[in-house]
Amino acid sequence: MTEAAPWSAVRDRVNPYGFAAFSVDPGTEPGGLTTMSVTYYAVTGLYGRIEPVDTFTLRRTRGDGERRR
């Protein structure tokens, strides 16, 4: 079975080339908060100028905290 998935890929005609930069903070204590910030940069112009296009942050509680039974 083949599924149509137009959401799985996007072509940005204005900024066809770019990259994502990740910044990860694992947190400082067991069971604390871990964060990952992602910024997508477009590569533009003749000399490869970079320009931030989008950013988002993921947050999650660390799995090494105290376990409840």
N, C-alpha and C. Protein backbone atom coordinates (compact mmCIF):
# COMPACT_ATOMS: atom_id res chain seq x y z
N MET A 1 0.84 -1.16 0.00
CA MET A 1 0.00 0.00 0.00
C MET A 1 0.90 1.23 0.00
N THR A 2 0.58 2.18 -0.85
CA THR A 2 1.32 3.42 -0.92
C THR A 2 0.45 4.54 -0.36
N GLU A 3 1.05 5.33 0.51
CA GLU A 3 0.33 6.43 1.13
C GLU A 3 0.83 7.74 0.54
N ALA A 4 -0.09 8.58 0.14
CA ALA A 4 0.28 9.92 -0.31
C ALA A 4 0.68 10.73 0.93
N ALA A 5 1.85 11.29 0.91
CA ALA A 5 2.34 12.03 2.08
C ALA A 5 2.94 13.36 1.65
N PRO A 6 2.10 14.31 1.21
CA PRO A 6 2.63 15.59 0.78
C PRO A 6 3.30 16.37 1.91
N TRP A 7 3.03 16.03 3.15
CA TRP A 7 3.61 16.69 4.31
C TRP A 7 5.03 16.24 4.61
N SER A 8 5.49 15.17 3.96
CA SER A 8 6.78 14.58 4.33
C SER A 8 7.98 15.32 3.75
N ALA A 9 7.76 16.17 2.77
CA ALA A 9 8.87 16.91 2.17
C ALA A 9 8.36 18.26 1.69
N VAL A 10 9.21 19.26 1.87
CA VAL A 10 8.84 20.60 1.46
C VAL A 10 9.98 21.20 0.66
N ARG A 11 9.66 21.86 -0.43
CA ARG A 11 10.68 22.56 -1.22
C ARG A 11 10.44 24.05 -1.05
N ASP A 12 11.44 24.72 -0.52
CA ASP A 12 11.37 26.16 -0.34
C ASP A 12 12.02 26.81 -1.55
N ARG A 13 11.22 27.35 -2.44
CA ARG A 13 11.74 27.93 -3.68
C ARG A 13 12.51 29.23 -3.43
N VAL A 14 12.22 29.92 -2.33
CA VAL A 14 12.94 31.15 -2.01
C VAL A 14 14.31 30.85 -1.41
N ASN A 15 14.37 29.86 -0.52
CA ASN A 15 15.62 29.46 0.16
C ASN A 15 15.85 27.97 -0.04
N PRO A 16 16.32 27.55 -1.23
CA PRO A 16 16.43 26.12 -1.52
C PRO A 16 17.55 25.39 -0.77
N TYR A 17 18.51 26.12 -0.20
CA TYR A 17 19.61 25.48 0.52
C TYR A 17 19.69 26.02 1.94
N GLY A 18 20.00 25.14 2.87
CA GLY A 18 20.11 25.57 4.25
C GLY A 18 20.57 24.43 5.14
N PHE A 19 20.60 24.71 6.43
CA PHE A 19 21.01 23.69 7.40
C PHE A 19 20.38 24.01 8.75
N ALA A 20 20.33 23.00 9.60
CA ALA A 20 19.81 23.17 10.96
C ALA A 20 20.96 23.08 11.95
N ALA A 21 20.96 23.96 12.93
CA ALA A 21 21.94 23.94 14.01
C ALA A 21 21.21 23.56 15.30
N PHE A 22 21.81 22.64 16.06
CA PHE A 22 21.20 22.14 17.28
C PHE A 22 22.04 22.56 18.48
N SER A 23 21.35 22.96 19.55
CA SER A 23 22.00 23.28 20.82
C SER A 23 21.30 22.45 21.89
N VAL A 24 22.06 21.58 22.57
CA VAL A 24 21.47 20.65 23.53
C VAL A 24 21.98 20.97 24.94
N ASP A 25 21.05 21.08 25.87
CA ASP A 25 21.38 21.23 27.28
C ASP A 25 20.82 20.01 28.00
N PRO A 26 21.68 19.08 28.44
CA PRO A 26 21.19 17.85 29.05
C PRO A 26 20.61 18.04 30.45
N GLY A 27 20.72 19.21 31.01
CA GLY A 27 20.24 19.45 32.37
C GLY A 27 21.34 19.19 33.37
N THR A 28 21.11 19.58 34.61
CA THR A 28 22.17 19.49 35.62
C THR A 28 21.88 18.50 36.74
N GLU A 29 20.66 18.00 36.82
CA GLU A 29 20.34 17.08 37.91
C GLU A 29 19.42 15.95 37.44
N PRO A 30 19.49 14.80 38.08
CA PRO A 30 18.62 13.68 37.71
C PRO A 30 17.15 14.09 37.80
N GLY A 31 16.40 13.75 36.76
CA GLY A 31 14.98 14.08 36.71
C GLY A 31 14.71 15.53 36.31
N GLY A 32 15.77 16.29 36.04
CA GLY A 32 15.62 17.69 35.65
C GLY A 32 15.17 17.82 34.20
N LEU A 33 15.24 19.02 33.69
CA LEU A 33 14.77 19.31 32.34
C LEU A 33 15.92 19.27 31.34
N THR A 34 15.69 18.61 30.21
CA THR A 34 16.62 18.60 29.08
C THR A 34 15.98 19.44 27.98
N THR A 35 16.78 20.29 27.32
CA THR A 35 16.25 21.10 26.24
C THR A 35 17.10 20.96 24.98
N MET A 36 16.45 21.06 23.84
CA MET A 36 17.14 21.04 22.55
C MET A 36 16.54 22.18 21.72
N SER A 37 17.39 23.15 21.38
CA SER A 37 16.96 24.27 20.54
C SER A 37 17.47 24.05 19.13
N VAL A 38 16.61 24.27 18.16
CA VAL A 38 16.94 24.05 16.75
C VAL A 38 16.68 25.35 15.99
N THR A 39 17.66 25.76 15.18
CA THR A 39 17.49 26.91 14.30
C THR A 39 17.82 26.48 12.89
N TYR A 40 16.92 26.79 11.96
CA TYR A 40 17.16 26.50 10.55
C TYR A 40 17.67 27.78 9.89
N TYR A 41 18.79 27.66 9.19
CA TYR A 41 19.40 28.79 8.49
C TYR A 41 19.32 28.56 6.99
N ALA A 42 18.93 29.60 6.25
CA ALA A 42 18.96 29.55 4.80
C ALA A 42 20.32 30.08 4.35
N VAL A 43 20.87 29.46 3.31
CA VAL A 43 22.12 29.92 2.71
C VAL A 43 21.72 30.71 1.47
N THR A 44 22.05 32.01 1.47
CA THR A 44 21.58 32.88 0.40
C THR A 44 22.74 33.67 -0.21
N GLY A 45 22.50 34.22 -1.37
CA GLY A 45 23.46 35.11 -2.01
C GLY A 45 24.64 34.39 -2.64
N LEU A 46 25.45 35.16 -3.33
CA LEU A 46 26.60 34.61 -4.04
C LEU A 46 27.68 34.08 -3.12
N TYR A 47 27.81 34.68 -1.94
CA TYR A 47 28.90 34.31 -1.03
C TYR A 47 28.44 33.47 0.14
N GLY A 48 27.28 32.89 0.05
CA GLY A 48 26.79 31.97 1.06
C GLY A 48 26.43 32.62 2.39
N ARG A 49 25.84 33.80 2.34
CA ARG A 49 25.38 34.45 3.57
C ARG A 49 24.33 33.54 4.23
N ILE A 50 24.36 33.43 5.55
CA ILE A 50 23.36 32.63 6.25
C ILE A 50 22.36 33.55 6.94
N GLU A 51 21.11 33.09 6.96
CA GLU A 51 20.03 33.89 7.51
C GLU A 51 19.09 32.96 8.28
N PRO A 52 18.84 33.22 9.58
CA PRO A 52 17.92 32.36 10.33
C PRO A 52 16.50 32.47 9.77
N VAL A 53 15.86 31.32 9.58
CA VAL A 53 14.52 31.28 9.01
C VAL A 53 13.49 30.83 10.04
N ASP A 54 13.85 29.83 10.85
CA ASP A 54 12.89 29.28 11.80
C ASP A 54 13.64 28.73 13.00
N THR A 55 12.99 28.72 14.15
CA THR A 55 13.59 28.16 15.36
C THR A 55 12.50 27.56 16.24
N PHE A 56 12.86 26.50 16.96
CA PHE A 56 11.95 25.91 17.93
C PHE A 56 12.76 25.23 19.02
N THR A 57 12.13 24.98 20.16
CA THR A 57 12.80 24.34 21.29
C THR A 57 11.96 23.17 21.78
N LEU A 58 12.63 22.04 22.01
CA LEU A 58 12.00 20.84 22.57
C LEU A 58 12.44 20.74 24.03
N ARG A 59 11.51 20.37 24.91
CA ARG A 59 11.83 20.21 26.34
C ARG A 59 11.28 18.88 26.81
N ARG A 60 12.07 18.23 27.67
CA ARG A 60 11.64 16.93 28.19
C ARG A 60 12.29 16.69 29.55
N THR A 61 11.57 16.04 30.44
CA THR A 61 12.12 15.66 31.73
C THR A 61 13.08 14.50 31.54
N ARG A 62 14.24 14.59 32.17
CA ARG A 62 15.24 13.52 32.06
C ARG A 62 14.67 12.22 32.61
N GLY A 63 15.10 11.11 32.02
CA GLY A 63 14.63 9.79 32.44
C GLY A 63 15.42 9.18 33.57
N ASP A 64 16.41 9.90 34.11
CA ASP A 64 17.23 9.30 35.16
C ASP A 64 16.84 9.78 36.55
N GLY A 65 15.62 10.29 36.67
CA GLY A 65 15.12 10.76 37.96
C GLY A 65 14.64 9.60 38.82
N GLU A 66 14.12 9.93 39.97
CA GLU A 66 13.61 8.93 40.90
C GLU A 66 12.40 8.22 40.31
N ARG A 67 12.40 6.91 40.36
CA ARG A 67 11.29 6.10 39.81
C ARG A 67 10.25 5.84 40.89
N ARG A 68 8.98 6.00 40.53
CA ARG A 68 7.89 5.71 41.46
C ARG A 68 7.34 4.33 41.16
N ARG A 69 6.98 3.62 42.18
CA ARG A 69 6.44 2.27 42.01
C ARG A 69 5.01 2.21 42.44
